[in-house]
Amino acid sequence: MLKEVGHPSVELLELQGYDHGQMAAPAFPLLLRFIRQQGK
């Protein structure tokens, strides 16, 4: 939704090979990286 309305701080990543139940663990490092980058 944020990307759709043009928010400047949005990344859309698709993790290949994971469904909704499996994507949380591989997504956490990506989330932490994004949060650290936004804090700079």
PDB file of N, CA and C in Angstrom:
ATOM      1  N   MET A   1       0.817  -1.190   0.000  1.00  0.00           N
ATOM      2  CA  MET A   1       0.000   0.000   0.000  1.00  0.00           C
ATOM      3  C   MET A   1       0.866   1.261   0.000  1.00  0.00           C
ATOM      4  N   LEU A   2       1.910   1.280   0.809  1.00  0.00           N
ATOM      5  CA  LEU A   2       2.743   2.472   0.864  1.00  0.00           C
ATOM      6  C   LEU A   2       3.385   2.761  -0.489  1.00  0.00           C
ATOM      7  N   LYS A   3       3.850   1.729  -1.156  1.00  0.00           N
ATOM      8  CA  LYS A   3       4.452   1.911  -2.477  1.00  0.00           C
ATOM      9  C   LYS A   3       3.403   2.422  -3.467  1.00  0.00           C
ATOM     10  N   GLU A   4       2.211   1.920  -3.358  1.00  0.00           N
ATOM     11  CA  GLU A   4       1.128   2.297  -4.277  1.00  0.00           C
ATOM     12  C   GLU A   4       0.797   3.791  -4.189  1.00  0.00           C
ATOM     13  N   VAL A   5       0.871   4.360  -2.988  1.00  0.00           N
ATOM     14  CA  VAL A   5       0.551   5.784  -2.827  1.00  0.00           C
ATOM     15  C   VAL A   5       1.778   6.681  -2.942  1.00  0.00           C
ATOM     16  N   GLY A   6       2.946   6.080  -3.241  1.00  0.00           N
ATOM     17  CA  GLY A   6       4.141   6.871  -3.514  1.00  0.00           C
ATOM     18  C   GLY A   6       4.988   7.234  -2.312  1.00  0.00           C
ATOM     19  N   HIS A   7       4.893   6.488  -1.233  1.00  0.00           N
ATOM     20  CA  HIS A   7       5.732   6.753  -0.056  1.00  0.00           C
ATOM     21  C   HIS A   7       7.197   6.558  -0.453  1.00  0.00           C
ATOM     22  N   PRO A   8       8.099   7.488  -0.055  1.00  0.00           N
ATOM     23  CA  PRO A   8       9.492   7.419  -0.519  1.00  0.00           C
ATOM     24  C   PRO A   8      10.345   6.330   0.141  1.00  0.00           C
ATOM     25  N   SER A   9       9.953   5.833   1.294  1.00  0.00           N
ATOM     26  CA  SER A   9      10.784   4.864   2.017  1.00  0.00           C
ATOM     27  C   SER A   9      10.164   3.475   1.996  1.00  0.00           C
ATOM     28  N   VAL A  10      10.065   2.903   0.807  1.00  0.00           N
ATOM     29  CA  VAL A  10       9.423   1.598   0.663  1.00  0.00           C
ATOM     30  C   VAL A  10      10.272   0.714  -0.239  1.00  0.00           C
ATOM     31  N   GLU A  11      10.423  -0.539   0.159  1.00  0.00           N
ATOM     32  CA  GLU A  11      11.054  -1.553  -0.689  1.00  0.00           C
ATOM     33  C   GLU A  11      10.085  -2.710  -0.810  1.00  0.00           C
ATOM     34  N   LEU A  12       9.966  -3.240  -1.997  1.00  0.00           N
ATOM     35  CA  LEU A  12       9.146  -4.420  -2.215  1.00  0.00           C
ATOM     36  C   LEU A  12      10.078  -5.557  -2.599  1.00  0.00           C
ATOM     37  N   LEU A  13      10.140  -6.564  -1.753  1.00  0.00           N
ATOM     38  CA  LEU A  13      11.006  -7.714  -1.992  1.00  0.00           C
ATOM     39  C   LEU A  13      10.151  -8.970  -2.076  1.00  0.00           C
ATOM     40  N   GLU A  14      10.468  -9.821  -3.025  1.00  0.00           N
ATOM     41  CA  GLU A  14       9.795 -11.110  -3.141  1.00  0.00           C
ATOM     42  C   GLU A  14      10.812 -12.201  -2.852  1.00  0.00           C
ATOM     43  N   LEU A  15      10.522 -13.023  -1.870  1.00  0.00           N
ATOM     44  CA  LEU A  15      11.412 -14.116  -1.495  1.00  0.00           C
ATOM     45  C   LEU A  15      10.962 -15.375  -2.230  1.00  0.00           C
ATOM     46  N   GLN A  16      11.729 -15.767  -3.210  1.00  0.00           N
ATOM     47  CA  GLN A  16      11.379 -16.923  -4.031  1.00  0.00           C
ATOM     48  C   GLN A  16      11.469 -18.214  -3.220  1.00  0.00           C
ATOM     49  N   GLY A  17      10.497 -19.080  -3.389  1.00  0.00           N
ATOM     50  CA  GLY A  17      10.511 -20.382  -2.748  1.00  0.00           C
ATOM     51  C   GLY A  17       9.880 -20.416  -1.364  1.00  0.00           C
ATOM     52  N   TYR A  18       9.292 -19.297  -0.921  1.00  0.00           N
ATOM     53  CA  TYR A  18       8.660 -19.257   0.399  1.00  0.00           C
ATOM     54  C   TYR A  18       7.196 -18.888   0.245  1.00  0.00           C
ATOM     55  N   ASP A  19       6.345 -19.525   1.078  1.00  0.00           N
ATOM     56  CA  ASP A  19       4.950 -19.103   1.113  1.00  0.00           C
ATOM     57  C   ASP A  19       4.756 -18.208   2.341  1.00  0.00           C
ATOM     58  N   HIS A  20       3.545 -17.805   2.605  1.00  0.00           N
ATOM     59  CA  HIS A  20       3.293 -16.870   3.708  1.00  0.00           C
ATOM     60  C   HIS A  20       3.706 -17.430   5.062  1.00  0.00           C
ATOM     61  N   GLY A  21       3.600 -18.715   5.246  1.00  0.00           N
ATOM     62  CA  GLY A  21       3.965 -19.326   6.523  1.00  0.00           C
ATOM     63  C   GLY A  21       5.463 -19.489   6.712  1.00  0.00           C
ATOM     64  N   GLN A  22       6.216 -19.548   5.616  1.00  0.00           N
ATOM     65  CA  GLN A  22       7.657 -19.797   5.689  1.00  0.00           C
ATOM     66  C   GLN A  22       8.501 -18.540   5.560  1.00  0.00           C
ATOM     67  N   MET A  23       7.921 -17.408   5.184  1.00  0.00           N
ATOM     68  CA  MET A  23       8.729 -16.248   4.833  1.00  0.00           C
ATOM     69  C   MET A  23       9.207 -15.416   6.020  1.00  0.00           C
ATOM     70  N   ALA A  24       8.673 -15.622   7.204  1.00  0.00           N
ATOM     71  CA  ALA A  24       9.025 -14.761   8.338  1.00  0.00           C
ATOM     72  C   ALA A  24      10.509 -14.860   8.701  1.00  0.00           C
ATOM     73  N   ALA A  25      11.024 -16.047   8.904  1.00  0.00           N
ATOM     74  CA  ALA A  25      12.433 -16.197   9.330  1.00  0.00           C
ATOM     75  C   ALA A  25      13.417 -15.633   8.307  1.00  0.00           C
ATOM     76  N   PRO A  26      13.282 -15.909   7.002  1.00  0.00           N
ATOM     77  CA  PRO A  26      14.226 -15.319   6.057  1.00  0.00           C
ATOM     78  C   PRO A  26      14.029 -13.808   5.881  1.00  0.00           C
ATOM     79  N   ALA A  27      12.867 -13.292   6.234  1.00  0.00           N
ATOM     80  CA  ALA A  27      12.604 -11.865   6.058  1.00  0.00           C
ATOM     81  C   ALA A  27      13.167 -11.017   7.194  1.00  0.00           C
ATOM     82  N   PHE A  28      13.382 -11.577   8.377  1.00  0.00           N
ATOM     83  CA  PHE A  28      13.847 -10.781   9.512  1.00  0.00           C
ATOM     84  C   PHE A  28      15.167 -10.068   9.252  1.00  0.00           C
ATOM     85  N   PRO A  29      16.193 -10.722   8.690  1.00  0.00           N
ATOM     86  CA  PRO A  29      17.432  -9.986   8.400  1.00  0.00           C
ATOM     87  C   PRO A  29      17.217  -8.842   7.401  1.00  0.00           C
ATOM     88  N   LEU A  30      16.326  -9.044   6.441  1.00  0.00           N
ATOM     89  CA  LEU A  30      16.021  -7.975   5.483  1.00  0.00           C
ATOM     90  C   LEU A  30      15.325  -6.811   6.180  1.00  0.00           C
ATOM     91  N   LEU A  31      14.430  -7.122   7.087  1.00  0.00           N
ATOM     92  CA  LEU A  31      13.730  -6.087   7.842  1.00  0.00           C
ATOM     93  C   LEU A  31      14.698  -5.291   8.708  1.00  0.00           C
ATOM     94  N   LEU A  32      15.590  -5.984   9.404  1.00  0.00           N
ATOM     95  CA  LEU A  32      16.563  -5.295  10.247  1.00  0.00           C
ATOM     96  C   LEU A  32      17.490  -4.405   9.429  1.00  0.00           C
ATOM     97  N   ARG A  33      17.911  -4.876   8.258  1.00  0.00           N
ATOM     98  CA  ARG A  33      18.759  -4.066   7.378  1.00  0.00           C
ATOM     99  C   ARG A  33      18.022  -2.798   6.954  1.00  0.00           C
ATOM    100  N   PHE A  34      16.755  -2.934   6.596  1.00  0.00           N
ATOM    101  CA  PHE A  34      15.959  -1.787   6.172  1.00  0.00           C
ATOM    102  C   PHE A  34      15.807  -0.782   7.314  1.00  0.00           C
ATOM    103  N   ILE A  35      15.538  -1.265   8.514  1.00  0.00           N
ATOM    104  CA  ILE A  35      15.378  -0.375   9.661  1.00  0.00           C
ATOM    105  C   ILE A  35      16.673   0.368   9.952  1.00  0.00           C
ATOM    106  N   ARG A  36      17.805  -0.326   9.903  1.00  0.00           N
ATOM    107  CA  ARG A  36      19.106   0.317  10.142  1.00  0.00           C
ATOM    108  C   ARG A  36      19.388   1.382   9.087  1.00  0.00           C
ATOM    109  N   GLN A  37      19.061   1.116   7.837  1.00  0.00           N
ATOM    110  CA  GLN A  37      19.299   2.077   6.770  1.00  0.00           C
ATOM    111  C   GLN A  37      18.424   3.316   6.941  1.00  0.00           C
ATOM    112  N   GLN A  38      17.218   3.145   7.425  1.00  0.00           N
ATOM    113  CA  GLN A  38      16.315   4.286   7.619  1.00  0.00           C
ATOM    114  C   GLN A  38      16.753   5.166   8.774  1.00  0.00           C
ATOM    115  N   GLY A  39      17.490   4.597   9.728  1.00  0.00           N
ATOM    116  CA  GLY A  39      17.949   5.355  10.882  1.00  0.00           C
ATOM    117  C   GLY A  39      19.134   6.253  10.589  1.00  0.00           C
ATOM    118  N   LYS A  40      19.756   6.095   9.425  1.00  0.00           N
ATOM    119  CA  LYS A  40      20.933   6.899   9.082  1.00  0.00           C
ATOM    120  C   LYS A  40      20.548   8.248   8.530  1.00  0.00           C
TER     121      LYS A  40
END
